[in-house]
Amino acid sequence: MKNRIFLTAVLMLTVFFSNTVMGQKFEKLDRSPMDAASYPSSSRISDKLVKVIYSRPQLKRRAISKLAPNEKVWRTGANEAPEITFYKDVNFGGKEVKSGTYTLFTIPGDKEWTVILSTAKNVWGAYSYSESEDVVRVSATISKSKKSIEAFSIVFNGQENDAIMYLGWGKVIVSVPVKG
């Protein structure tokens, strides 16, 4: 009887302490955390027109031109290139696009940015970007923000099935119309 109690106690202690010994090791938080923007933006509305999942690099006193050089393809954020999903056929920046998921690239410029939707999937950075995978390229207008935007951000604003996608970073705001 004593052996059974002793064995049960040893097993219980082993199970109790094995949880801390074999516990998961969680990595540090990403410095460019993932975020999502959608239209409509309310989480209470499930019938979305568009959603973008992207990572948010920080300026940290650096110039945008160092992180997203003019006239070079940029992944439009940090880490993985963003994925943009259209839940219905849309007019994106004046060009027709079928519903589906695409990778979002941009080419920054002084007077306008080129926004690219690509068929490439699961892409890290823009290192493997290929123009042959482009679905559309559209010109996006630039405006200036009064305040500097530290973390790269994407937001949508609109009414009904018409929205504008805004990309903001530093004092640059890039806008592309999305019509459902």
Protein backbone atom coordinates (compact mmCIF):
# COMPACT_ATOMS: atom_id res chain seq x y z
CA MET A 1 0.00 0.00 0.00
CA LYS A 2 2.86 2.36 0.89
CA ASN A 3 4.51 1.61 -2.45
CA ARG A 4 1.32 2.49 -4.32
CA ILE A 5 0.96 5.84 -2.49
CA PHE A 6 4.65 6.59 -3.01
CA LEU A 7 4.42 5.71 -6.73
CA THR A 8 1.28 7.85 -7.17
CA ALA A 9 2.97 10.82 -5.45
CA VAL A 10 6.07 10.46 -7.64
CA LEU A 11 3.94 10.30 -10.80
CA MET A 12 1.92 13.36 -9.76
CA LEU A 13 5.08 15.35 -9.04
CA THR A 14 6.59 14.25 -12.34
CA VAL A 15 3.52 15.38 -14.27
CA PHE A 16 3.38 18.66 -12.33
CA PHE A 17 7.03 19.57 -12.93
CA SER A 18 7.24 18.20 -16.48
CA ASN A 19 4.86 20.95 -17.62
CA THR A 20 7.38 23.63 -16.63
CA VAL A 21 10.35 21.68 -17.96
CA MET A 22 8.71 20.96 -21.31
CA GLY A 23 6.84 24.30 -21.54
CA GLN A 24 6.77 26.16 -24.84
CA LYS A 25 9.40 28.76 -25.55
CA PHE A 26 7.82 31.80 -27.16
CA GLU A 27 9.93 33.99 -29.38
CA LYS A 28 10.19 37.74 -28.86
CA LEU A 29 7.56 39.93 -30.47
CA ASP A 30 8.17 40.85 -34.09
CA ARG A 31 9.42 44.40 -34.49
CA SER A 32 7.18 44.76 -37.55
CA PRO A 33 3.93 43.21 -36.35
CA MET A 34 1.29 41.92 -38.73
CA ASP A 35 -1.91 43.88 -39.09
CA ALA A 36 -5.01 43.73 -41.23
CA ALA A 37 -7.16 46.38 -42.85
CA SER A 38 -10.51 45.74 -44.48
CA TYR A 39 -13.47 47.49 -46.02
CA PRO A 40 -15.94 47.79 -44.47
CA SER A 41 -13.70 48.05 -41.43
CA SER A 42 -16.31 47.11 -38.83
CA SER A 43 -15.83 43.60 -37.45
CA ARG A 44 -19.62 43.37 -37.18
CA ILE A 45 -19.95 43.42 -40.98
CA SER A 46 -18.94 40.09 -42.47
CA ASP A 47 -19.71 41.00 -46.09
CA LYS A 48 -16.33 42.53 -46.95
CA LEU A 49 -15.20 44.04 -50.23
CA VAL A 50 -11.47 43.81 -49.54
CA LYS A 51 -8.98 42.81 -46.84
CA VAL A 52 -5.20 43.28 -46.67
CA ILE A 53 -2.88 41.41 -44.31
CA TYR A 54 0.50 43.13 -44.00
CA SER A 55 3.40 43.85 -41.65
CA ARG A 56 4.13 47.30 -40.22
CA PRO A 57 7.75 48.50 -40.36
CA GLN A 58 8.70 51.53 -38.26
CA LEU A 59 10.66 54.53 -39.51
CA LYS A 60 12.83 54.86 -36.37
CA ARG A 61 14.41 58.09 -37.67
CA ARG A 62 15.14 56.54 -41.05
CA ALA A 63 14.07 57.99 -44.37
CA ILE A 64 11.38 56.18 -46.36
CA SER A 65 13.74 56.26 -49.35
CA LYS A 66 16.16 54.01 -47.44
CA LEU A 67 13.47 51.42 -46.62
CA ALA A 68 11.40 51.69 -49.81
CA PRO A 69 13.67 53.17 -52.50
CA ASN A 70 12.12 55.10 -55.38
CA GLU A 71 11.72 53.27 -58.68
CA LYS A 72 12.37 49.83 -57.10
CA VAL A 73 9.79 47.13 -56.38
CA TRP A 74 8.94 47.13 -52.68
CA ARG A 75 7.06 44.47 -50.73
CA THR A 76 4.74 47.17 -49.31
CA GLY A 77 5.51 46.61 -45.66
CA ALA A 78 7.93 44.35 -43.83
CA ASN A 79 8.67 40.63 -43.81
CA GLU A 80 6.21 38.78 -46.07
CA ALA A 81 4.71 40.77 -48.93
CA PRO A 82 1.10 41.68 -48.11
CA GLU A 83 -1.80 39.61 -49.36
CA ILE A 84 -4.87 41.46 -50.56
CA THR A 85 -8.15 39.60 -50.94
CA PHE A 86 -11.07 40.87 -52.98
CA TYR A 87 -14.31 39.12 -52.05
CA LYS A 88 -16.00 40.15 -55.30
CA ASP A 89 -14.88 41.42 -58.67
CA VAL A 90 -13.64 45.00 -58.30
CA ASN A 91 -12.31 47.95 -60.19
CA PHE A 92 -8.90 48.55 -58.61
CA GLY A 93 -7.38 51.90 -59.52
CA GLY A 94 -9.32 51.96 -62.78
CA LYS A 95 -8.62 48.35 -63.80
CA GLU A 96 -10.91 45.33 -63.50
CA VAL A 97 -9.73 42.61 -61.11
CA LYS A 98 -11.43 39.26 -60.43
CA SER A 99 -12.21 38.23 -56.86
CA GLY A 100 -9.37 36.34 -55.24
CA THR A 101 -6.16 36.75 -53.27
CA TYR A 102 -3.15 38.55 -54.69
CA THR A 103 0.22 39.75 -53.44
CA LEU A 104 0.59 43.52 -53.15
CA PHE A 105 3.79 45.18 -54.34
CA THR A 106 4.51 48.86 -54.91
CA ILE A 107 7.08 50.97 -56.73
CA PRO A 108 7.52 54.25 -54.85
CA GLY A 109 8.07 57.48 -56.75
CA ASP A 110 8.24 61.20 -56.05
CA LYS A 111 5.02 62.15 -57.88
CA GLU A 112 3.13 58.83 -57.91
CA TRP A 113 3.47 55.23 -56.81
CA THR A 114 2.82 52.18 -58.94
CA VAL A 115 0.68 49.62 -57.13
CA ILE A 116 1.00 46.03 -58.36
CA LEU A 117 -1.25 43.03 -57.82
CA SER A 118 0.62 39.79 -58.43
CA THR A 119 -0.36 36.12 -58.62
CA ALA A 120 2.73 35.18 -56.57
CA LYS A 121 1.82 33.59 -53.25
CA ASN A 122 3.61 33.21 -49.91
CA VAL A 123 6.35 35.67 -50.83
CA TRP A 124 8.95 36.97 -48.39
CA GLY A 125 10.16 40.42 -49.41
CA ALA A 126 10.36 41.35 -53.09
CA TYR A 127 13.47 39.31 -53.85
CA SER A 128 11.65 36.83 -56.07
CA TYR A 129 9.30 39.39 -57.66
CA SER A 130 8.63 38.68 -61.33
CA GLU A 131 6.79 41.11 -63.59
CA SER A 132 5.42 38.11 -65.51
CA GLU A 133 3.18 37.35 -62.47
CA ASP A 134 1.56 40.82 -62.51
CA VAL A 135 -2.23 40.90 -62.76
CA VAL A 136 -2.46 44.70 -62.90
CA ARG A 137 -0.33 47.77 -62.35
CA VAL A 138 -2.05 51.02 -61.44
CA SER A 139 -0.82 54.54 -60.79
CA ALA A 140 -1.64 55.82 -57.32
CA THR A 141 -1.78 59.44 -56.28
CA ILE A 142 0.34 60.87 -53.48
CA SER A 143 -0.68 63.42 -50.90
CA LYS A 144 1.13 64.71 -47.82
CA SER A 145 0.22 64.06 -44.21
CA LYS A 146 0.39 66.94 -41.74
CA LYS A 147 1.84 64.61 -39.09
CA SER A 148 4.48 61.96 -39.64
CA ILE A 149 3.19 58.37 -39.56
CA GLU A 150 5.82 56.30 -37.70
CA ALA A 151 4.51 52.80 -38.52
CA PHE A 152 3.59 51.92 -42.09
CA SER A 153 -0.21 51.66 -42.17
CA ILE A 154 -3.01 50.68 -44.54
CA VAL A 155 -6.58 51.90 -44.04
CA PHE A 156 -9.77 52.00 -46.10
CA ASN A 157 -12.42 54.68 -46.19
CA GLY A 158 -15.54 54.85 -48.32
CA GLN A 159 -19.27 54.50 -48.77
CA GLU A 160 -21.36 51.58 -50.00
CA ASN A 161 -19.20 49.51 -52.41
CA ASP A 162 -16.73 52.30 -53.17
CA ALA A 163 -13.63 52.65 -51.05
CA ILE A 164 -10.21 54.18 -51.16
CA MET A 165 -7.19 52.24 -49.92
CA TYR A 166 -4.67 54.52 -48.22
CA LEU A 167 -1.04 53.55 -47.62
CA GLY A 168 0.57 55.92 -45.12
CA TRP A 169 4.14 56.25 -43.93
CA GLY A 170 6.17 59.24 -42.87
CA LYS A 171 4.44 62.19 -44.49
CA VAL A 172 3.44 60.22 -47.60
CA ILE A 173 -0.11 59.04 -48.20
CA VAL A 174 -0.77 56.92 -51.29
CA SER A 175 -4.37 56.36 -52.38
CA VAL A 176 -5.99 53.83 -54.71
CA PRO A 177 -9.76 53.63 -55.37
CA VAL A 178 -11.45 50.23 -55.01
CA LYS A 179 -14.97 49.91 -56.43
CA GLY A 180 -17.12 46.84 -55.95
